[in-house]
Amino acid sequence: MIIGIAGSFGSGKGMVADYLVKQKGFFHFSAREFIFQEAEKRGLSRDGGREVLIPVANDLRAKGGPAFIADALYSQAVENGGDAVLESFRAIAEVERLQELGGVVLGVDAAPEIRYERTVARGSETDHVSFEEWRNHETRESNPDDRTKQDIFGSLAASDHVVKNEGTIEELHQKVEEWLQTIA
């Protein structure tokens, strides 16, 4: 089974992926890592965070097609064999492509205030921003009229199922487990 993860900033996408890897034996393929590797090939530094990721991802989609990243991750998963989680889809075309290929997409979301608190708590360099700046980043990644760019909320809406992650990690794991039972 191949599961894609979509979701908003700080929603818990990584926690879901970790659960699937550690508890269910899934292999993990990261869109973020894939894009960073491409950025490094272009001589760009990871230190730029989203300011590097967004233009590289948009360029990959513009040149390779709107589902380029999904196709690349899916190919890696198939070559690897076994169950895989592909984290995280940012464009509607990526979600739709995985669904066309027989995969399922789980969306993860929470209230903005909760997600912001989690994002700041992560403590990564790119996460030291005000709530207003953080919301502006989300807005910049919402491009419903251009399938070659990110549309995080459109991707979330196109998911096969969405879990609300506004409680404990254990509650999130339980929601994922219940969802897995419906698709098994």
Protein backbone atom coordinates (compact mmCIF):
# COMPACT_ATOMS: atom_id res chain seq x y z
CA MET A 1 0.00 0.00 0.00
CA ILE A 2 1.24 3.49 -0.81
CA ILE A 3 -0.04 6.35 1.32
CA GLY A 4 0.53 10.00 0.52
CA ILE A 5 0.38 12.64 3.23
CA ALA A 6 -0.96 16.15 2.63
CA GLY A 7 -1.56 18.85 5.17
CA SER A 8 -1.05 22.31 6.47
CA PHE A 9 2.05 23.63 8.26
CA GLY A 10 2.59 22.08 11.69
CA SER A 11 -0.40 19.77 11.35
CA GLY A 12 1.47 16.57 12.22
CA LYS A 13 2.32 15.12 8.81
CA GLY A 14 5.72 13.99 10.07
CA MET A 15 4.16 12.36 13.13
CA VAL A 16 1.85 10.35 10.89
CA ALA A 17 4.76 9.32 8.66
CA ASP A 18 6.82 8.33 11.73
CA TYR A 19 3.93 6.24 13.05
CA LEU A 20 3.56 4.41 9.74
CA VAL A 21 7.31 3.74 9.62
CA LYS A 22 7.84 2.72 13.25
CA GLN A 23 4.57 0.92 13.96
CA LYS A 24 3.54 -0.43 10.57
CA GLY A 25 6.89 -1.02 8.84
CA PHE A 26 6.34 1.43 5.99
CA PHE A 27 9.23 2.86 4.00
CA HIS A 28 9.38 6.67 4.01
CA PHE A 29 9.95 8.91 1.00
CA SER A 30 10.07 12.65 1.65
CA ALA A 31 9.16 15.32 -0.90
CA ARG A 32 11.12 17.83 1.19
CA GLU A 33 14.25 15.69 1.00
CA PHE A 34 13.74 15.03 -2.71
CA ILE A 35 13.49 18.78 -3.38
CA PHE A 36 16.48 19.59 -1.15
CA GLN A 37 18.56 17.05 -3.08
CA GLU A 38 17.55 18.75 -6.32
CA ALA A 39 18.40 22.15 -4.82
CA GLU A 40 21.86 20.90 -3.86
CA LYS A 41 22.41 19.68 -7.43
CA ARG A 42 21.72 23.27 -8.44
CA GLY A 43 24.27 24.61 -5.98
CA LEU A 44 21.70 25.88 -3.48
CA SER A 45 21.98 25.46 0.29
CA ARG A 46 19.50 23.75 2.58
CA ASP A 47 19.96 26.68 4.91
CA GLY A 48 17.56 28.68 2.76
CA GLY A 49 14.64 26.50 3.91
CA ARG A 50 11.32 27.35 2.26
CA GLU A 51 12.96 30.14 0.27
CA VAL A 52 14.94 27.41 -1.52
CA LEU A 53 12.29 24.68 -1.53
CA ILE A 54 9.41 26.63 -3.05
CA PRO A 55 11.12 27.88 -6.24
CA VAL A 56 12.88 24.55 -6.84
CA ALA A 57 9.63 22.60 -6.39
CA ASN A 58 7.75 25.03 -8.65
CA ASP A 59 10.48 24.74 -11.28
CA LEU A 60 10.39 20.93 -11.14
CA ARG A 61 6.62 21.00 -11.65
CA ALA A 62 6.81 23.62 -14.41
CA LYS A 63 9.42 21.61 -16.35
CA GLY A 64 8.37 18.04 -15.53
CA GLY A 65 4.63 18.44 -15.16
CA PRO A 66 2.39 19.30 -12.21
CA ALA A 67 2.68 15.78 -10.74
CA PHE A 68 6.45 15.46 -11.27
CA ILE A 69 7.30 15.18 -7.56
CA ALA A 70 4.54 12.63 -6.91
CA ASP A 71 5.70 10.54 -9.86
CA ALA A 72 9.31 10.63 -8.63
CA LEU A 73 8.39 9.58 -5.08
CA TYR A 74 5.99 6.92 -6.33
CA SER A 75 8.72 5.47 -8.57
CA GLN A 76 11.12 5.33 -5.62
CA ALA A 77 8.48 3.58 -3.51
CA VAL A 78 7.69 1.01 -6.20
CA GLU A 79 11.39 0.31 -6.82
CA ASN A 80 11.86 -0.18 -3.08
CA GLY A 81 8.91 -2.57 -2.79
CA GLY A 82 6.62 -2.89 0.19
CA ASP A 83 4.36 -0.42 1.90
CA ALA A 84 5.43 3.22 1.65
CA VAL A 85 4.45 6.63 2.95
CA LEU A 86 5.10 9.62 0.68
CA GLU A 87 5.34 12.85 2.65
CA SER A 88 4.17 15.53 1.88
CA PHE A 89 2.11 16.52 -1.10
CA ARG A 90 1.72 20.25 -1.64
CA ALA A 91 -0.02 20.41 -5.04
CA ILE A 92 -3.45 19.12 -6.01
CA ALA A 93 -1.97 17.43 -9.10
CA GLU A 94 0.32 15.41 -6.80
CA VAL A 95 -2.62 14.18 -4.74
CA GLU A 96 -4.63 13.33 -7.84
CA ARG A 97 -1.69 11.54 -9.46
CA LEU A 98 -1.11 9.27 -6.47
CA GLN A 99 -4.83 8.48 -6.42
CA GLU A 100 -4.70 7.65 -10.15
CA LEU A 101 -1.82 5.28 -9.46
CA GLY A 102 -3.85 3.44 -6.81
CA GLY A 103 -2.44 5.12 -3.72
CA VAL A 104 -4.47 6.84 -1.02
CA VAL A 105 -3.88 10.26 0.48
CA LEU A 106 -4.37 11.12 4.11
CA GLY A 107 -4.75 14.79 4.98
CA VAL A 108 -3.70 16.11 8.37
CA ASP A 109 -4.96 19.42 9.75
CA ALA A 110 -5.52 21.40 12.95
CA ALA A 111 -6.52 24.91 13.96
CA PRO A 112 -3.96 27.54 12.90
CA GLU A 113 -3.09 28.56 16.47
CA ILE A 114 -2.31 24.95 17.42
CA ARG A 115 -0.24 24.42 14.27
CA TYR A 116 1.71 27.63 14.86
CA GLU A 117 2.56 26.62 18.44
CA ARG A 118 3.82 23.25 17.17
CA THR A 119 5.83 24.88 14.40
CA VAL A 120 7.57 27.26 16.81
CA ALA A 121 8.18 24.41 19.29
CA ARG A 122 10.06 22.45 16.58
CA GLY A 123 12.70 25.12 16.82
CA SER A 124 14.05 24.83 13.29
CA GLU A 125 15.70 27.94 11.90
CA THR A 126 12.95 28.54 9.34
CA ASP A 127 10.28 28.40 12.05
CA HIS A 128 11.36 31.50 14.01
CA VAL A 129 8.69 33.80 12.63
CA SER A 130 5.70 35.69 13.97
CA PHE A 131 2.21 34.23 13.64
CA GLU A 132 1.45 36.80 10.92
CA GLU A 133 4.57 35.88 8.92
CA TRP A 134 3.78 32.20 9.35
CA ARG A 135 0.24 32.71 8.01
CA ASN A 136 1.70 34.69 5.09
CA HIS A 137 3.94 31.70 4.28
CA GLU A 138 0.83 29.52 4.15
CA THR A 139 -0.91 32.00 1.89
CA ARG A 140 2.10 32.00 -0.47
CA GLU A 141 1.77 28.23 -0.69
CA SER A 142 -1.89 28.43 -1.71
CA ASN A 143 -2.07 28.82 -5.48
CA PRO A 144 -5.37 27.25 -6.56
CA ASP A 145 -5.15 28.69 -10.07
CA ASP A 146 -1.73 27.23 -10.96
CA ARG A 147 -1.33 23.45 -10.88
CA THR A 148 2.46 23.77 -11.12
CA LYS A 149 2.64 25.51 -7.73
CA GLN A 150 1.84 24.60 -4.17
CA ASP A 151 -1.74 24.63 -2.97
CA ILE A 152 -1.53 23.15 0.49
CA PHE A 153 -5.19 23.66 1.35
CA GLY A 154 -6.35 22.40 -2.04
CA SER A 155 -4.20 19.31 -1.55
CA LEU A 156 -5.70 18.82 1.87
CA ALA A 157 -9.22 19.09 0.43
CA ALA A 158 -8.41 16.61 -2.36
CA SER A 159 -7.20 13.99 0.15
CA ASP A 160 -9.15 10.77 0.51
CA HIS A 161 -9.57 11.34 4.22
CA VAL A 162 -8.60 14.12 6.66
CA VAL A 163 -7.77 13.68 10.33
CA LYS A 164 -7.92 16.58 12.77
CA ASN A 165 -4.84 16.57 14.95
CA GLU A 166 -5.74 18.81 17.85
CA GLY A 167 -5.03 16.46 20.74
CA THR A 168 -2.23 14.21 21.90
CA ILE A 169 0.12 12.16 19.76
CA GLU A 170 -1.66 9.05 21.02
CA GLU A 171 -5.01 10.42 19.85
CA LEU A 172 -3.50 11.14 16.42
CA HIS A 173 -2.12 7.60 16.23
CA GLN A 174 -5.55 6.22 17.15
CA LYS A 175 -7.20 8.25 14.38
CA VAL A 176 -4.63 6.99 11.87
CA GLU A 177 -5.15 3.42 13.06
CA GLU A 178 -8.92 3.73 12.70
CA TRP A 179 -8.47 5.13 9.18
CA LEU A 180 -6.09 2.32 8.24
CA GLN A 181 -8.77 -0.19 9.24
CA THR A 182 -11.16 1.38 6.72
CA ILE A 183 -8.74 0.99 3.81
CA ALA A 184 -7.26 -2.41 4.64
